[in-house]
Structures are given as C-alpha cells and as structure tokens.
C-alpha cells in the first residue's frame, strides 16, 4: 500500500492538471512554447501517476478497472466483479 502522502500528492497534481488543461491546449495550438514552459510543472498531464483506487499501488495497475492486479484478483475470487471468475480448462 502506498503512503498516504503519495496518494495525496497525486490527487493534488490531478487537480492542477484539470485547472490548466484548457490554457495548455490553447498555448499548444498557438505554438507559444515559451508561455507553456512558464506554467507550473505539475500542470503537465504526464506527471500524473496511475494508482489503484483502493490501495494506492502504482505497479500492476489495470486501467479498465482502475485497480491493481492484486485487488482485482481478490475481488474476482470473492465474486464482487460481475462476469469475472477464475479460469479453468
């Protein structure tokens, strides 16, 4: 499980990305890269880290479910994910 500070930092970055999204789009369209470079670093979408919504784990993250592979397996075995079950052949 990720530390609480890491999760909070990532949420803060997500908010800043959303705040500057329109301005970044406009500056890129105009080709004004000097003004773009003066924006805060955390306003860049590439600085956001995908993290599990339940544990904060960043590795083994599955975008479709927004959770890590470990939690996905646990929830699937408990029958909490509709249509998903353990494979057997």
PDB file of N, CA and C in Angstrom:
ATOM      1  N   UNK A   1       0.837  -1.181   0.000  1.00  0.00           N
ATOM      2  CA  UNK A   1       0.000   0.000   0.000  1.00  0.00           C
ATOM      3  C   UNK A   1       0.880   1.242   0.000  1.00  0.00           C
ATOM      4  N   UNK A   2       0.521   2.187  -0.835  1.00  0.00           N
ATOM      5  CA  UNK A   2       1.295   3.418  -0.942  1.00  0.00           C
ATOM      6  C   UNK A   2       1.078   4.283   0.300  1.00  0.00           C
ATOM      7  N   UNK A   3       2.050   5.118   0.579  1.00  0.00           N
ATOM      8  CA  UNK A   3       1.902   6.013   1.722  1.00  0.00           C
ATOM      9  C   UNK A   3       0.818   7.044   1.414  1.00  0.00           C
ATOM     10  N   UNK A   4       0.211   7.532   2.453  1.00  0.00           N
ATOM     11  CA  UNK A   4      -0.884   8.482   2.307  1.00  0.00           C
ATOM     12  C   UNK A   4      -0.414   9.759   1.613  1.00  0.00           C
ATOM     13  N   UNK A   5       0.821  10.171   1.904  1.00  0.00           N
ATOM     14  CA  UNK A   5       1.340  11.395   1.299  1.00  0.00           C
ATOM     15  C   UNK A   5       1.479  11.261  -0.218  1.00  0.00           C
ATOM     16  N   UNK A   6       1.833  10.062  -0.692  1.00  0.00           N
ATOM     17  CA  UNK A   6       1.969   9.828  -2.130  1.00  0.00           C
ATOM     18  C   UNK A   6       0.619   9.951  -2.823  1.00  0.00           C
ATOM     19  N   UNK A   7      -0.403   9.366  -2.219  1.00  0.00           N
ATOM     20  CA  UNK A   7      -1.750   9.428  -2.784  1.00  0.00           C
ATOM     21  C   UNK A   7      -2.249  10.866  -2.808  1.00  0.00           C
ATOM     22  N   UNK A   8      -2.017  11.594  -1.724  1.00  0.00           N
ATOM     23  CA  UNK A   8      -2.454  12.991  -1.638  1.00  0.00           C
ATOM     24  C   UNK A   8      -1.725  13.852  -2.664  1.00  0.00           C
ATOM     25  N   UNK A   9      -0.414  13.627  -2.825  1.00  0.00           N
ATOM     26  CA  UNK A   9       0.370  14.375  -3.812  1.00  0.00           C
ATOM     27  C   UNK A   9      -0.174  14.140  -5.222  1.00  0.00           C
ATOM     28  N   UNK A  10      -0.499  12.894  -5.529  1.00  0.00           N
ATOM     29  CA  UNK A  10      -1.007  12.555  -6.851  1.00  0.00           C
ATOM     30  C   UNK A  10      -2.369  13.224  -7.108  1.00  0.00           C
ATOM     31  N   UNK A  11      -3.216  13.269  -6.092  1.00  0.00           N
ATOM     32  CA  UNK A  11      -4.520  13.937  -6.228  1.00  0.00           C
ATOM     33  C   UNK A  11      -4.342  15.438  -6.458  1.00  0.00           C
ATOM     34  N   UNK A  12      -3.360  16.021  -5.787  1.00  0.00           N
ATOM     35  CA  UNK A  12      -3.058  17.442  -5.947  1.00  0.00           C
ATOM     36  C   UNK A  12      -2.619  17.740  -7.388  1.00  0.00           C
ATOM     37  N   UNK A  13      -1.796  16.847  -7.942  1.00  0.00           N
ATOM     38  CA  UNK A  13      -1.333  17.006  -9.320  1.00  0.00           C
ATOM     39  C   UNK A  13      -2.512  16.890 -10.278  1.00  0.00           C
ATOM     40  N   UNK A  14      -3.423  15.949 -10.023  1.00  0.00           N
ATOM     41  CA  UNK A  14      -4.604  15.779 -10.884  1.00  0.00           C
ATOM     42  C   UNK A  14      -5.448  17.045 -10.924  1.00  0.00           C
ATOM     43  N   UNK A  15      -5.617  17.691  -9.769  1.00  0.00           N
ATOM     44  CA  UNK A  15      -6.386  18.933  -9.702  1.00  0.00           C
ATOM     45  C   UNK A  15      -5.715  20.029 -10.514  1.00  0.00           C
ATOM     46  N   UNK A  16      -4.383  20.130 -10.411  1.00  0.00           N
ATOM     47  CA  UNK A  16      -3.656  21.177 -11.125  1.00  0.00           C
ATOM     48  C   UNK A  16      -3.698  20.923 -12.633  1.00  0.00           C
ATOM     49  N   UNK A  17      -3.640  19.673 -13.043  1.00  0.00           N
ATOM     50  CA  UNK A  17      -3.738  19.331 -14.469  1.00  0.00           C
ATOM     51  C   UNK A  17      -5.093  19.778 -15.007  1.00  0.00           C
ATOM     52  N   UNK A  18      -6.161  19.501 -14.254  1.00  0.00           N
ATOM     53  CA  UNK A  18      -7.506  19.893 -14.679  1.00  0.00           C
ATOM     54  C   UNK A  18      -7.643  21.416 -14.755  1.00  0.00           C
ATOM     55  N   UNK A  19      -7.026  22.107 -13.810  1.00  0.00           N
ATOM     56  CA  UNK A  19      -7.109  23.568 -13.757  1.00  0.00           C
ATOM     57  C   UNK A  19      -6.470  24.210 -14.988  1.00  0.00           C
ATOM     58  N   UNK A  20      -5.318  23.698 -15.414  1.00  0.00           N
ATOM     59  CA  UNK A  20      -4.571  24.308 -16.517  1.00  0.00           C
ATOM     60  C   UNK A  20      -4.817  23.637 -17.869  1.00  0.00           C
ATOM     61  N   UNK A  21      -5.695  22.658 -17.948  1.00  0.00           N
ATOM     62  CA  UNK A  21      -5.885  21.892 -19.188  1.00  0.00           C
ATOM     63  C   UNK A  21      -6.259  22.775 -20.373  1.00  0.00           C
ATOM     64  N   UNK A  22      -7.228  23.651 -20.184  1.00  0.00           N
ATOM     65  CA  UNK A  22      -7.695  24.499 -21.282  1.00  0.00           C
ATOM     66  C   UNK A  22      -6.605  25.482 -21.728  1.00  0.00           C
ATOM     67  N   UNK A  23      -5.914  26.084 -20.768  1.00  0.00           N
ATOM     68  CA  UNK A  23      -4.848  27.031 -21.091  1.00  0.00           C
ATOM     69  C   UNK A  23      -3.718  26.331 -21.841  1.00  0.00           C
ATOM     70  N   UNK A  24      -3.335  25.125 -21.395  1.00  0.00           N
ATOM     71  CA  UNK A  24      -2.279  24.363 -22.068  1.00  0.00           C
ATOM     72  C   UNK A  24      -2.675  24.041 -23.508  1.00  0.00           C
ATOM     73  N   UNK A  25      -3.943  23.643 -23.687  1.00  0.00           N
ATOM     74  CA  UNK A  25      -4.429  23.314 -25.026  1.00  0.00           C
ATOM     75  C   UNK A  25      -4.353  24.529 -25.952  1.00  0.00           C
ATOM     76  N   UNK A  26      -4.748  25.696 -25.407  1.00  0.00           N
ATOM     77  CA  UNK A  26      -4.732  26.930 -26.203  1.00  0.00           C
ATOM     78  C   UNK A  26      -3.299  27.322 -26.577  1.00  0.00           C
ATOM     79  N   UNK A  27      -2.380  27.255 -25.611  1.00  0.00           N
ATOM     80  CA  UNK A  27      -0.987  27.637 -25.870  1.00  0.00           C
ATOM     81  C   UNK A  27      -0.332  26.681 -26.874  1.00  0.00           C
ATOM     82  N   UNK A  28      -0.646  25.411 -26.793  1.00  0.00           N
ATOM     83  CA  UNK A  28      -0.085  24.447 -27.747  1.00  0.00           C
ATOM     84  C   UNK A  28      -0.594  24.714 -29.154  1.00  0.00           C
ATOM     85  N   UNK A  29      -1.897  25.038 -29.255  1.00  0.00           N
ATOM     86  CA  UNK A  29      -2.488  25.324 -30.568  1.00  0.00           C
ATOM     87  C   UNK A  29      -1.837  26.562 -31.200  1.00  0.00           C
ATOM     88  N   UNK A  30      -1.530  27.553 -30.382  1.00  0.00           N
ATOM     89  CA  UNK A  30      -0.882  28.779 -30.871  1.00  0.00           C
ATOM     90  C   UNK A  30       0.606  28.576 -31.134  1.00  0.00           C
ATOM     91  N   UNK A  31       1.179  27.556 -30.555  1.00  0.00           N
ATOM     92  CA  UNK A  31       2.608  27.304 -30.711  1.00  0.00           C
ATOM     93  C   UNK A  31       3.464  28.165 -29.797  1.00  0.00           C
ATOM     94  N   UNK A  32       2.874  28.684 -28.736  1.00  0.00           N
ATOM     95  CA  UNK A  32       3.583  29.555 -27.791  1.00  0.00           C
ATOM     96  C   UNK A  32       4.250  28.699 -26.710  1.00  0.00           C
ATOM     97  N   UNK A  33       5.382  28.110 -27.043  1.00  0.00           N
ATOM     98  CA  UNK A  33       6.045  27.191 -26.125  1.00  0.00           C
ATOM     99  C   UNK A  33       6.786  27.912 -25.007  1.00  0.00           C
ATOM    100  N   UNK A  34       7.080  29.176 -25.191  1.00  0.00           N
ATOM    101  CA  UNK A  34       7.731  29.947 -24.127  1.00  0.00           C
ATOM    102  C   UNK A  34       6.752  30.147 -22.964  1.00  0.00           C
ATOM    103  N   UNK A  35       5.515  30.493 -23.287  1.00  0.00           N
ATOM    104  CA  UNK A  35       4.492  30.672 -22.249  1.00  0.00           C
ATOM    105  C   UNK A  35       4.138  29.323 -21.625  1.00  0.00           C
ATOM    106  N   UNK A  36       4.153  28.298 -22.426  1.00  0.00           N
ATOM    107  CA  UNK A  36       3.839  26.948 -21.941  1.00  0.00           C
ATOM    108  C   UNK A  36       4.873  26.482 -20.919  1.00  0.00           C
ATOM    109  N   UNK A  37       6.118  26.843 -21.150  1.00  0.00           N
ATOM    110  CA  UNK A  37       7.182  26.436 -20.228  1.00  0.00           C
ATOM    111  C   UNK A  37       7.139  27.202 -18.905  1.00  0.00           C
ATOM    112  N   UNK A  38       6.442  28.335 -18.878  1.00  0.00           N
ATOM    113  CA  UNK A  38       6.319  29.105 -17.646  1.00  0.00           C
ATOM    114  C   UNK A  38       5.198  28.599 -16.732  1.00  0.00           C
ATOM    115  N   UNK A  39       4.374  27.698 -17.236  1.00  0.00           N
ATOM    116  CA  UNK A  39       3.309  27.122 -16.404  1.00  0.00           C
ATOM    117  C   UNK A  39       3.930  26.200 -15.353  1.00  0.00           C
ATOM    118  N   UNK A  40       3.217  25.927 -14.279  1.00  0.00           N
ATOM    119  CA  UNK A  40       3.762  25.024 -13.247  1.00  0.00           C
ATOM    120  C   UNK A  40       4.049  23.635 -13.821  1.00  0.00           C
ATOM    121  N   UNK A  41       5.092  23.006 -13.342  1.00  0.00           N
ATOM    122  CA  UNK A  41       5.466  21.683 -13.840  1.00  0.00           C
ATOM    123  C   UNK A  41       4.365  20.661 -13.586  1.00  0.00           C
ATOM    124  N   UNK A  42       3.711  20.763 -12.434  1.00  0.00           N
ATOM    125  CA  UNK A  42       2.673  19.801 -12.102  1.00  0.00           C
ATOM    126  C   UNK A  42       1.385  19.993 -12.896  1.00  0.00           C
ATOM    127  N   UNK A  43       1.353  20.963 -13.794  1.00  0.00           N
ATOM    128  CA  UNK A  43       0.173  21.127 -14.636  1.00  0.00           C
ATOM    129  C   UNK A  43       0.267  20.258 -15.887  1.00  0.00           C
ATOM    130  N   UNK A  44       1.374  19.558 -16.056  1.00  0.00           N
ATOM    131  CA  UNK A  44       1.539  18.660 -17.195  1.00  0.00           C
ATOM    132  C   UNK A  44       0.887  17.305 -16.900  1.00  0.00           C
ATOM    133  N   UNK A  45       0.069  16.793 -17.823  1.00  0.00           N
ATOM    134  CA  UNK A  45      -0.621  15.518 -17.585  1.00  0.00           C
ATOM    135  C   UNK A  45       0.325  14.328 -17.452  1.00  0.00           C
ATOM    136  N   UNK A  46       1.546  14.439 -17.947  1.00  0.00           N
ATOM    137  CA  UNK A  46       2.471  13.311 -17.853  1.00  0.00           C
ATOM    138  C   UNK A  46       2.983  13.090 -16.439  1.00  0.00           C
ATOM    139  N   UNK A  47       2.755  14.051 -15.548  1.00  0.00           N
ATOM    140  CA  UNK A  47       3.233  13.899 -14.169  1.00  0.00           C
ATOM    141  C   UNK A  47       2.243  13.140 -13.282  1.00  0.00           C
ATOM    142  N   UNK A  48       1.035  12.884 -13.795  1.00  0.00           N
ATOM    143  CA  UNK A  48       0.047  12.127 -13.035  1.00  0.00           C
ATOM    144  C   UNK A  48       0.412  10.650 -13.103  1.00  0.00           C
ATOM    145  N   UNK A  49       0.348   9.984 -11.968  1.00  0.00           N
ATOM    146  CA  UNK A  49       0.687   8.567 -11.879  1.00  0.00           C
ATOM    147  C   UNK A  49      -0.600   7.772 -11.701  1.00  0.00           C
ATOM    148  N   UNK A  50      -0.787   6.716 -12.502  1.00  0.00           N
ATOM    149  CA  UNK A  50      -1.945   5.851 -12.329  1.00  0.00           C
ATOM    150  C   UNK A  50      -1.758   5.034 -11.054  1.00  0.00           C
ATOM    151  N   UNK A  51      -2.754   5.096 -10.170  1.00  0.00           N
ATOM    152  CA  UNK A  51      -2.661   4.378  -8.901  1.00  0.00           C
ATOM    153  C   UNK A  51      -3.979   3.675  -8.600  1.00  0.00           C
ATOM    154  N   UNK A  52      -3.875   2.548  -7.920  1.00  0.00           N
ATOM    155  CA  UNK A  52      -5.037   1.771  -7.520  1.00  0.00           C
ATOM    156  C   UNK A  52      -5.946   2.633  -6.641  1.00  0.00           C
ATOM    157  N   UNK A  53      -7.243   2.609  -6.945  1.00  0.00           N
ATOM    158  CA  UNK A  53      -8.195   3.414  -6.176  1.00  0.00           C
ATOM    159  C   UNK A  53      -8.378   2.893  -4.755  1.00  0.00           C
ATOM    160  N   UNK A  54      -8.094   1.616  -4.539  1.00  0.00           N
ATOM    161  CA  UNK A  54      -8.303   1.017  -3.217  1.00  0.00           C
ATOM    162  C   UNK A  54      -7.064   1.059  -2.335  1.00  0.00           C
ATOM    163  N   UNK A  55      -5.893   0.800  -2.928  1.00  0.00           N
ATOM    164  CA  UNK A  55      -4.677   0.689  -2.122  1.00  0.00           C
ATOM    165  C   UNK A  55      -3.636   1.762  -2.399  1.00  0.00           C
ATOM    166  N   UNK A  56      -3.691   2.398  -3.554  1.00  0.00           N
ATOM    167  CA  UNK A  56      -2.685   3.391  -3.915  1.00  0.00           C
ATOM    168  C   UNK A  56      -1.478   2.781  -4.599  1.00  0.00           C
ATOM    169  N   UNK A  57      -1.527   1.470  -4.862  1.00  0.00           N
ATOM    170  CA  UNK A  57      -0.416   0.796  -5.541  1.00  0.00           C
ATOM    171  C   UNK A  57      -0.309   1.304  -6.973  1.00  0.00           C
ATOM    172  N   UNK A  58       0.922   1.613  -7.407  1.00  0.00           N
ATOM    173  CA  UNK A  58       1.110   2.175  -8.743  1.00  0.00           C
ATOM    174  C   UNK A  58       1.537   1.120  -9.769  1.00  0.00           C
ATOM    175  N   UNK A  59       2.088   0.020  -9.310  1.00  0.00           N
ATOM    176  CA  UNK A  59       2.515  -1.021 -10.246  1.00  0.00           C
ATOM    177  C   UNK A  59       1.428  -2.069 -10.402  1.00  0.00           C
ATOM    178  N   UNK A  60       1.337  -2.631 -11.575  1.00  0.00           N
ATOM    179  CA  UNK A  60       0.317  -3.643 -11.831  1.00  0.00           C
ATOM    180  C   UNK A  60      -1.071  -3.026 -11.898  1.00  0.00           C
ATOM    181  N   UNK A  61      -1.151  -1.781 -12.358  1.00  0.00           N
ATOM    182  CA  UNK A  61      -2.412  -1.042 -12.438  1.00  0.00           C
ATOM    183  C   UNK A  61      -3.148  -1.422 -13.716  1.00  0.00           C
ATOM    184  N   UNK A  62      -4.441  -1.729 -13.604  1.00  0.00           N
ATOM    185  CA  UNK A  62      -5.259  -2.067 -14.769  1.00  0.00           C
ATOM    186  C   UNK A  62      -6.212  -0.911 -15.035  1.00  0.00           C
ATOM    187  N   UNK A  63      -6.045  -0.258 -16.179  1.00  0.00           N
ATOM    188  CA  UNK A  63      -6.819   0.940 -16.494  1.00  0.00           C
ATOM    189  C   UNK A  63      -8.318   0.687 -16.564  1.00  0.00           C
ATOM    190  N   UNK A  64      -8.693  -0.454 -17.114  1.00  0.00           N
ATOM    191  CA  UNK A  64     -10.116  -0.748 -17.288  1.00  0.00           C
ATOM    192  C   UNK A  64     -10.865  -0.751 -15.956  1.00  0.00           C
ATOM    193  N   UNK A  65     -10.225  -1.258 -14.915  1.00  0.00           N
ATOM    194  CA  UNK A  65     -10.867  -1.372 -13.610  1.00  0.00           C
ATOM    195  C   UNK A  65     -10.414  -0.305 -12.622  1.00  0.00           C
ATOM    196  N   UNK A  66      -9.341   0.397 -12.927  1.00  0.00           N
ATOM    197  CA  UNK A  66      -8.751   1.436 -12.066  1.00  0.00           C
ATOM    198  C   UNK A  66      -8.276   0.879 -10.731  1.00  0.00           C
ATOM    199  N   UNK A  67      -7.883  -0.396 -10.719  1.00  0.00           N
ATOM    200  CA  UNK A  67      -7.337  -1.013  -9.524  1.00  0.00           C
ATOM    201  C   UNK A  67      -6.123  -1.863  -9.902  1.00  0.00           C
ATOM    202  N   UNK A  68      -5.374  -2.287  -8.900  1.00  0.00           N
ATOM    203  CA  UNK A  68      -4.183  -3.089  -9.161  1.00  0.00           C
ATOM    204  C   UNK A  68      -4.567  -4.545  -9.420  1.00  0.00           C
ATOM    205  N   UNK A  69      -3.659  -5.290  -9.982  1.00  0.00           N
ATOM    206  CA  UNK A  69      -3.896  -6.694 -10.329  1.00  0.00           C
ATOM    207  C   UNK A  69      -4.196  -7.533  -9.091  1.00  0.00           C
ATOM    208  N   UNK A  70      -3.590  -7.174  -7.976  1.00  0.00           N
ATOM    209  CA  UNK A  70      -3.770  -7.937  -6.742  1.00  0.00           C
ATOM    210  C   UNK A  70      -5.196  -7.768  -6.218  1.00  0.00           C
ATOM    211  N   UNK A  71      -5.664  -6.534  -6.160  1.00  0.00           N
ATOM    212  CA  UNK A  71      -7.027  -6.274  -5.696  1.00  0.00           C
ATOM    213  C   UNK A  71      -8.055  -6.837  -6.671  1.00  0.00           C
ATOM    214  N   UNK A  72      -7.749  -6.793  -7.963  1.00  0.00           N
ATOM    215  CA  UNK A  72      -8.658  -7.353  -8.959  1.00  0.00           C
ATOM    216  C   UNK A  72      -8.851  -8.843  -8.715  1.00  0.00           C
ATOM    217  N   UNK A  73      -7.785  -9.531  -8.451  1.00  0.00           N
ATOM    218  CA  UNK A  73      -7.855 -10.970  -8.201  1.00  0.00           C
ATOM    219  C   UNK A  73      -8.648 -11.268  -6.932  1.00  0.00           C
ATOM    220  N   UNK A  74      -8.388 -10.503  -5.870  1.00  0.00           N
ATOM    221  CA  UNK A  74      -9.111 -10.700  -4.615  1.00  0.00           C
ATOM    222  C   UNK A  74     -10.607 -10.485  -4.798  1.00  0.00           C
ATOM    223  N   UNK A  75     -10.970  -9.386  -5.473  1.00  0.00           N
ATOM    224  CA  UNK A  75     -12.383  -9.079  -5.687  1.00  0.00           C
ATOM    225  C   UNK A  75     -13.055 -10.107  -6.597  1.00  0.00           C
ATOM    226  N   UNK A  76     -12.326 -10.587  -7.596  1.00  0.00           N
ATOM    227  CA  UNK A  76     -12.883 -11.589  -8.509  1.00  0.00           C
ATOM    228  C   UNK A  76     -13.145 -12.901  -7.769  1.00  0.00           C
ATOM    229  N   UNK A  77     -12.224 -13.304  -6.907  1.00  0.00           N
ATOM    230  CA  UNK A  77     -12.401 -14.543  -6.151  1.00  0.00           C
ATOM    231  C   UNK A  77     -13.545 -14.436  -5.142  1.00  0.00           C
ATOM    232  N   UNK A  78     -13.816 -13.227  -4.651  1.00  0.00           N
ATOM    233  CA  UNK A  78     -14.937 -13.011  -3.737  1.00  0.00           C
ATOM    234  C   UNK A  78     -16.256 -12.901  -4.491  1.00  0.00           C
ATOM    235  N   UNK A  79     -16.192 -12.829  -5.834  1.00  0.00           N
ATOM    236  CA  UNK A  79     -17.408 -12.720  -6.642  1.00  0.00           C
ATOM    237  C   UNK A  79     -17.979 -11.320  -6.688  1.00  0.00           C
ATOM    238  N   UNK A  80     -17.159 -10.317  -6.452  1.00  0.00           N
ATOM    239  CA  UNK A  80     -17.628  -8.934  -6.414  1.00  0.00           C
ATOM    240  C   UNK A  80     -17.516  -8.212  -7.755  1.00  0.00           C
ATOM    241  N   UNK A  81     -16.911  -8.867  -8.751  1.00  0.00           N
ATOM    242  CA  UNK A  81     -16.829  -8.279 -10.082  1.00  0.00           C
ATOM    243  C   UNK A  81     -17.708  -9.113 -11.004  1.00  0.00           C
ATOM    244  N   UNK A  82     -18.807  -8.551 -11.489  1.00  0.00           N
ATOM    245  CA  UNK A  82     -19.766  -9.301 -12.302  1.00  0.00           C
ATOM    246  C   UNK A  82     -19.126  -9.855 -13.575  1.00  0.00           C
ATOM    247  N   UNK A  83     -19.414 -11.117 -13.849  1.00  0.00           N
ATOM    248  CA  UNK A  83     -18.946 -11.752 -15.072  1.00  0.00           C
ATOM    249  C   UNK A  83     -17.521 -12.256 -15.024  1.00  0.00           C
ATOM    250  N   UNK A  84     -16.828 -12.044 -13.927  1.00  0.00           N
ATOM    251  CA  UNK A  84     -15.438 -12.486 -13.832  1.00  0.00           C
ATOM    252  C   UNK A  84     -15.333 -13.655 -12.860  1.00  0.00           C
ATOM    253  N   UNK A  85     -14.663 -14.704 -13.332  1.00  0.00           N
ATOM    254  CA  UNK A  85     -14.420 -15.831 -12.448  1.00  0.00           C
ATOM    255  C   UNK A  85     -13.084 -16.446 -12.799  1.00  0.00           C
ATOM    256  N   UNK A  86     -12.607 -17.293 -11.938  1.00  0.00           N
ATOM    257  CA  UNK A  86     -11.312 -17.936 -12.120  1.00  0.00           C
ATOM    258  C   UNK A  86     -11.371 -18.860 -13.337  1.00  0.00           C
ATOM    259  N   UNK A  87     -10.332 -18.795 -14.147  1.00  0.00           N
ATOM    260  CA  UNK A  87     -10.293 -19.613 -15.356  1.00  0.00           C
ATOM    261  C   UNK A  87     -10.015 -21.073 -14.997  1.00  0.00           C
ATOM    262  N   UNK A  88     -10.675 -21.968 -15.708  1.00  0.00           N
ATOM    263  CA  UNK A  88     -10.389 -23.397 -15.553  1.00  0.00           C
ATOM    264  C   UNK A  88     -10.695 -24.083 -16.873  1.00  0.00           C
ATOM    265  N   UNK A  89      -9.750 -24.881 -17.355  1.00  0.00           N
ATOM    266  CA  UNK A  89      -9.952 -25.599 -18.608  1.00  0.00           C
ATOM    267  C   UNK A  89      -9.233 -26.906 -18.604  1.00  0.00           C
TER     268      UNK A  89
END
